[in-house]
Every structure is written in structure tokens, then in C-alpha cells.
């Protein structure tokens, strides 16, 4: 998939409409269009990277920033103290639907233990 075809890249460039809840010089945040929980946000880097498998040296700052923004958004959504889950899917077997690295911030209800 090229950046021209990538849905997240199109949103980042303003070619597709989406309510952007947060944006800085590295990432933007939108609500998932198929939410799994009352709060289901996507934290997406502006630069295209297909997935975690493609992260290399020099990109640690970007990946770390995704988590910093996730915590900020959890605070804004009022779910920091009740708890939330941050998920990063890698590849088709994980359920990754869009080949552009992104975090899912899930909360607003009890999620139970993993596994």
C-alpha cells in the first residue's frame, strides 16, 4: 500500500474528513469508526510506517510519542483512573486492518483480564 492509498495518510493530508481530536507535529488522534468500547481512539503517526515490524533505529522517539499521546487522550476522555488498554496490532493475524502503525486506546468499561 502506498501513502496515496492509505486511509490514515489521506486523513492526515486532509483528503478525507474525520474529526481530529488531537494533532501535533508527529501524530493525530481520531475515534475508531467501529468502536469496541465506549472510548476507542486511534493514535496515528503523521508519517507512514506499515506496522511495528517496520520500526527501526531512529524511530523510537515516534513510537514513544504514541504512548505519551495515548496517556494524554485517556486523561482527556476521563478514563485514566478507571483504567484503559493500549493495543498495537501487527500484521493480518493480529487483526490489523490498515497497514499504517497506530495505537488503539480502549476504555470506558471493564475490559477484564487478557488471555
C-alpha atoms as a PDB file:
ATOM      1  CA  UNK A   1       0.000   0.000   0.000  1.00  0.00           C
ATOM      2  CA  UNK A   2       1.311   3.440  -0.875  1.00  0.00           C
ATOM      3  CA  UNK A   3       0.815   6.598   1.137  1.00  0.00           C
ATOM      4  CA  UNK A   4      -1.506   7.796  -1.663  1.00  0.00           C
ATOM      5  CA  UNK A   5      -3.848   4.854  -0.980  1.00  0.00           C
ATOM      6  CA  UNK A   6      -3.537   4.769   2.833  1.00  0.00           C
ATOM      7  CA  UNK A   7      -6.707   5.918   4.617  1.00  0.00           C
ATOM      8  CA  UNK A   8      -4.748   7.339   7.562  1.00  0.00           C
ATOM      9  CA  UNK A   9      -2.395   9.244   5.247  1.00  0.00           C
ATOM     10  CA  UNK A  10      -5.426  10.700   3.432  1.00  0.00           C
ATOM     11  CA  UNK A  11      -6.886  11.865   6.746  1.00  0.00           C
ATOM     12  CA  UNK A  12      -3.521  13.350   7.743  1.00  0.00           C
ATOM     13  CA  UNK A  13      -3.369  15.290   4.451  1.00  0.00           C
ATOM     14  CA  UNK A  14      -6.973  16.488   4.800  1.00  0.00           C
ATOM     15  CA  UNK A  15      -8.182  14.485   1.780  1.00  0.00           C
ATOM     16  CA  UNK A  16     -10.682  12.515   3.894  1.00  0.00           C
ATOM     17  CA  UNK A  17     -12.874  14.080   6.550  1.00  0.00           C
ATOM     18  CA  UNK A  18     -12.528  12.865  10.121  1.00  0.00           C
ATOM     19  CA  UNK A  19     -12.942  14.583  13.459  1.00  0.00           C
ATOM     20  CA  UNK A  20      -9.386  15.036  14.655  1.00  0.00           C
ATOM     21  CA  UNK A  21      -9.374  15.160  18.456  1.00  0.00           C
ATOM     22  CA  UNK A  22      -5.681  15.971  18.776  1.00  0.00           C
ATOM     23  CA  UNK A  23      -2.867  16.816  16.391  1.00  0.00           C
ATOM     24  CA  UNK A  24       0.713  17.906  16.794  1.00  0.00           C
ATOM     25  CA  UNK A  25       3.754  17.793  14.525  1.00  0.00           C
ATOM     26  CA  UNK A  26       4.065  13.985  14.828  1.00  0.00           C
ATOM     27  CA  UNK A  27       0.664  12.351  15.437  1.00  0.00           C
ATOM     28  CA  UNK A  28      -3.090  12.802  15.234  1.00  0.00           C
ATOM     29  CA  UNK A  29      -5.961  11.163  17.096  1.00  0.00           C
ATOM     30  CA  UNK A  30      -9.403  10.146  15.823  1.00  0.00           C
ATOM     31  CA  UNK A  31     -12.269   7.997  17.085  1.00  0.00           C
ATOM     32  CA  UNK A  32     -12.453   4.471  15.662  1.00  0.00           C
ATOM     33  CA  UNK A  33     -15.369   4.177  13.213  1.00  0.00           C
ATOM     34  CA  UNK A  34     -16.125   0.673  14.576  1.00  0.00           C
ATOM     35  CA  UNK A  35     -15.643   1.190  18.331  1.00  0.00           C
ATOM     36  CA  UNK A  36     -15.188  -1.868  20.540  1.00  0.00           C
ATOM     37  CA  UNK A  37     -15.589   0.126  23.785  1.00  0.00           C
ATOM     38  CA  UNK A  38     -17.250   3.430  24.765  1.00  0.00           C
ATOM     39  CA  UNK A  39     -13.843   5.094  24.344  1.00  0.00           C
ATOM     40  CA  UNK A  40     -11.996   3.759  21.300  1.00  0.00           C
ATOM     41  CA  UNK A  41      -9.444   6.176  19.902  1.00  0.00           C
ATOM     42  CA  UNK A  42      -6.731   5.692  17.305  1.00  0.00           C
ATOM     43  CA  UNK A  43      -3.359   7.380  17.834  1.00  0.00           C
ATOM     44  CA  UNK A  44      -1.700   7.607  14.428  1.00  0.00           C
ATOM     45  CA  UNK A  45       1.685   8.987  13.350  1.00  0.00           C
ATOM     46  CA  UNK A  46       1.629  11.502  10.503  1.00  0.00           C
ATOM     47  CA  UNK A  47       4.474   9.652   8.792  1.00  0.00           C
ATOM     48  CA  UNK A  48       3.543   6.413   7.081  1.00  0.00           C
ATOM     49  CA  UNK A  49       5.001   3.252   8.537  1.00  0.00           C
ATOM     50  CA  UNK A  50       3.224  -0.009   7.647  1.00  0.00           C
ATOM     51  CA  UNK A  51       3.486  -1.564  11.097  1.00  0.00           C
ATOM     52  CA  UNK A  52       5.602  -2.343  14.127  1.00  0.00           C
ATOM     53  CA  UNK A  53       7.612  -4.842  12.075  1.00  0.00           C
ATOM     54  CA  UNK A  54       8.994  -1.888  10.109  1.00  0.00           C
ATOM     55  CA  UNK A  55      10.148   0.181  13.082  1.00  0.00           C
ATOM     56  CA  UNK A  56      13.890   0.608  13.118  1.00  0.00           C
ATOM     57  CA  UNK A  57      16.649   2.602  14.696  1.00  0.00           C
ATOM     58  CA  UNK A  58      15.797   6.270  14.818  1.00  0.00           C
ATOM     59  CA  UNK A  59      12.045   5.709  15.182  1.00  0.00           C
ATOM     60  CA  UNK A  60      12.000   5.048  18.918  1.00  0.00           C
ATOM     61  CA  UNK A  61      11.031   8.654  19.622  1.00  0.00           C
ATOM     62  CA  UNK A  62       7.987   8.416  17.353  1.00  0.00           C
ATOM     63  CA  UNK A  63       6.839   5.132  18.927  1.00  0.00           C
ATOM     64  CA  UNK A  64       7.340   6.539  22.421  1.00  0.00           C
ATOM     65  CA  UNK A  65       5.387   9.659  21.496  1.00  0.00           C
ATOM     66  CA  UNK A  66       2.399   7.497  20.514  1.00  0.00           C
ATOM     67  CA  UNK A  67       2.215   6.260  24.117  1.00  0.00           C
ATOM     68  CA  UNK A  68       2.636   9.740  25.614  1.00  0.00           C
ATOM     69  CA  UNK A  69      -0.276  10.966  23.478  1.00  0.00           C
ATOM     70  CA  UNK A  70      -2.327   7.879  24.429  1.00  0.00           C
ATOM     71  CA  UNK A  71      -1.997   8.801  28.110  1.00  0.00           C
ATOM     72  CA  UNK A  72      -2.939  12.426  27.382  1.00  0.00           C
ATOM     73  CA  UNK A  73      -6.026  11.290  25.480  1.00  0.00           C
ATOM     74  CA  UNK A  74      -7.013   8.888  28.285  1.00  0.00           C
ATOM     75  CA  UNK A  75      -6.845  11.846  30.670  1.00  0.00           C
ATOM     76  CA  UNK A  76      -8.968  13.982  28.329  1.00  0.00           C
ATOM     77  CA  UNK A  77     -11.515  11.160  27.993  1.00  0.00           C
ATOM     78  CA  UNK A  78     -11.677  10.740  31.779  1.00  0.00           C
ATOM     79  CA  UNK A  79     -10.567   7.099  31.846  1.00  0.00           C
ATOM     80  CA  UNK A  80      -7.093   7.368  33.378  1.00  0.00           C
ATOM     81  CA  UNK A  81      -8.100   6.295  36.884  1.00  0.00           C
ATOM     82  CA  UNK A  82     -10.719   3.698  35.929  1.00  0.00           C
ATOM     83  CA  UNK A  83      -8.267   2.114  33.521  1.00  0.00           C
ATOM     84  CA  UNK A  84      -7.768   1.594  29.827  1.00  0.00           C
ATOM     85  CA  UNK A  85      -5.978  -0.658  27.394  1.00  0.00           C
ATOM     86  CA  UNK A  86      -3.497   0.339  24.685  1.00  0.00           C
ATOM     87  CA  UNK A  87      -3.243  -2.106  21.773  1.00  0.00           C
ATOM     88  CA  UNK A  88      -0.946  -2.190  18.763  1.00  0.00           C
ATOM     89  CA  UNK A  89      -1.800  -4.835  16.185  1.00  0.00           C
ATOM     90  CA  UNK A  90       0.959  -6.107  13.909  1.00  0.00           C
ATOM     91  CA  UNK A  91       0.033  -7.959  10.726  1.00  0.00           C
ATOM     92  CA  UNK A  92      -3.082  -9.689   9.442  1.00  0.00           C
ATOM     93  CA  UNK A  93      -3.155 -12.449  12.080  1.00  0.00           C
ATOM     94  CA  UNK A  94      -3.461  -9.784  14.792  1.00  0.00           C
ATOM     95  CA  UNK A  95      -6.438  -8.130  13.140  1.00  0.00           C
ATOM     96  CA  UNK A  96      -4.502  -5.152  11.758  1.00  0.00           C
ATOM     97  CA  UNK A  97      -6.844  -3.778   9.079  1.00  0.00           C
ATOM     98  CA  UNK A  98      -4.900  -0.705   7.945  1.00  0.00           C
ATOM     99  CA  UNK A  99      -1.212  -1.005   7.100  1.00  0.00           C
ATOM    100  CA  UNK A 100      -0.156   2.134   8.955  1.00  0.00           C
ATOM    101  CA  UNK A 101       1.140   1.772  12.512  1.00  0.00           C
ATOM    102  CA  UNK A 102      -1.344   3.044  15.111  1.00  0.00           C
ATOM    103  CA  UNK A 103      -2.407   2.501  18.702  1.00  0.00           C
ATOM    104  CA  UNK A 104      -5.920   1.693  19.873  1.00  0.00           C
ATOM    105  CA  UNK A 105      -6.896   3.352  23.164  1.00  0.00           C
ATOM    106  CA  UNK A 106      -9.768   1.335  24.648  1.00  0.00           C
ATOM    107  CA  UNK A 107     -11.714   2.136  27.801  1.00  0.00           C
ATOM    108  CA  UNK A 108     -14.915   3.327  29.341  1.00  0.00           C
ATOM    109  CA  UNK A 109     -15.947  -0.123  30.601  1.00  0.00           C
ATOM    110  CA  UNK A 110     -14.395  -3.119  32.336  1.00  0.00           C
ATOM    111  CA  UNK A 111     -12.232  -4.978  29.817  1.00  0.00           C
ATOM    112  CA  UNK A 112     -11.330  -7.915  32.036  1.00  0.00           C
ATOM    113  CA  UNK A 113      -8.004  -9.701  32.022  1.00  0.00           C
ATOM    114  CA  UNK A 114      -6.163 -10.546  28.829  1.00  0.00           C
ATOM    115  CA  UNK A 115      -5.814 -14.187  27.866  1.00  0.00           C
END
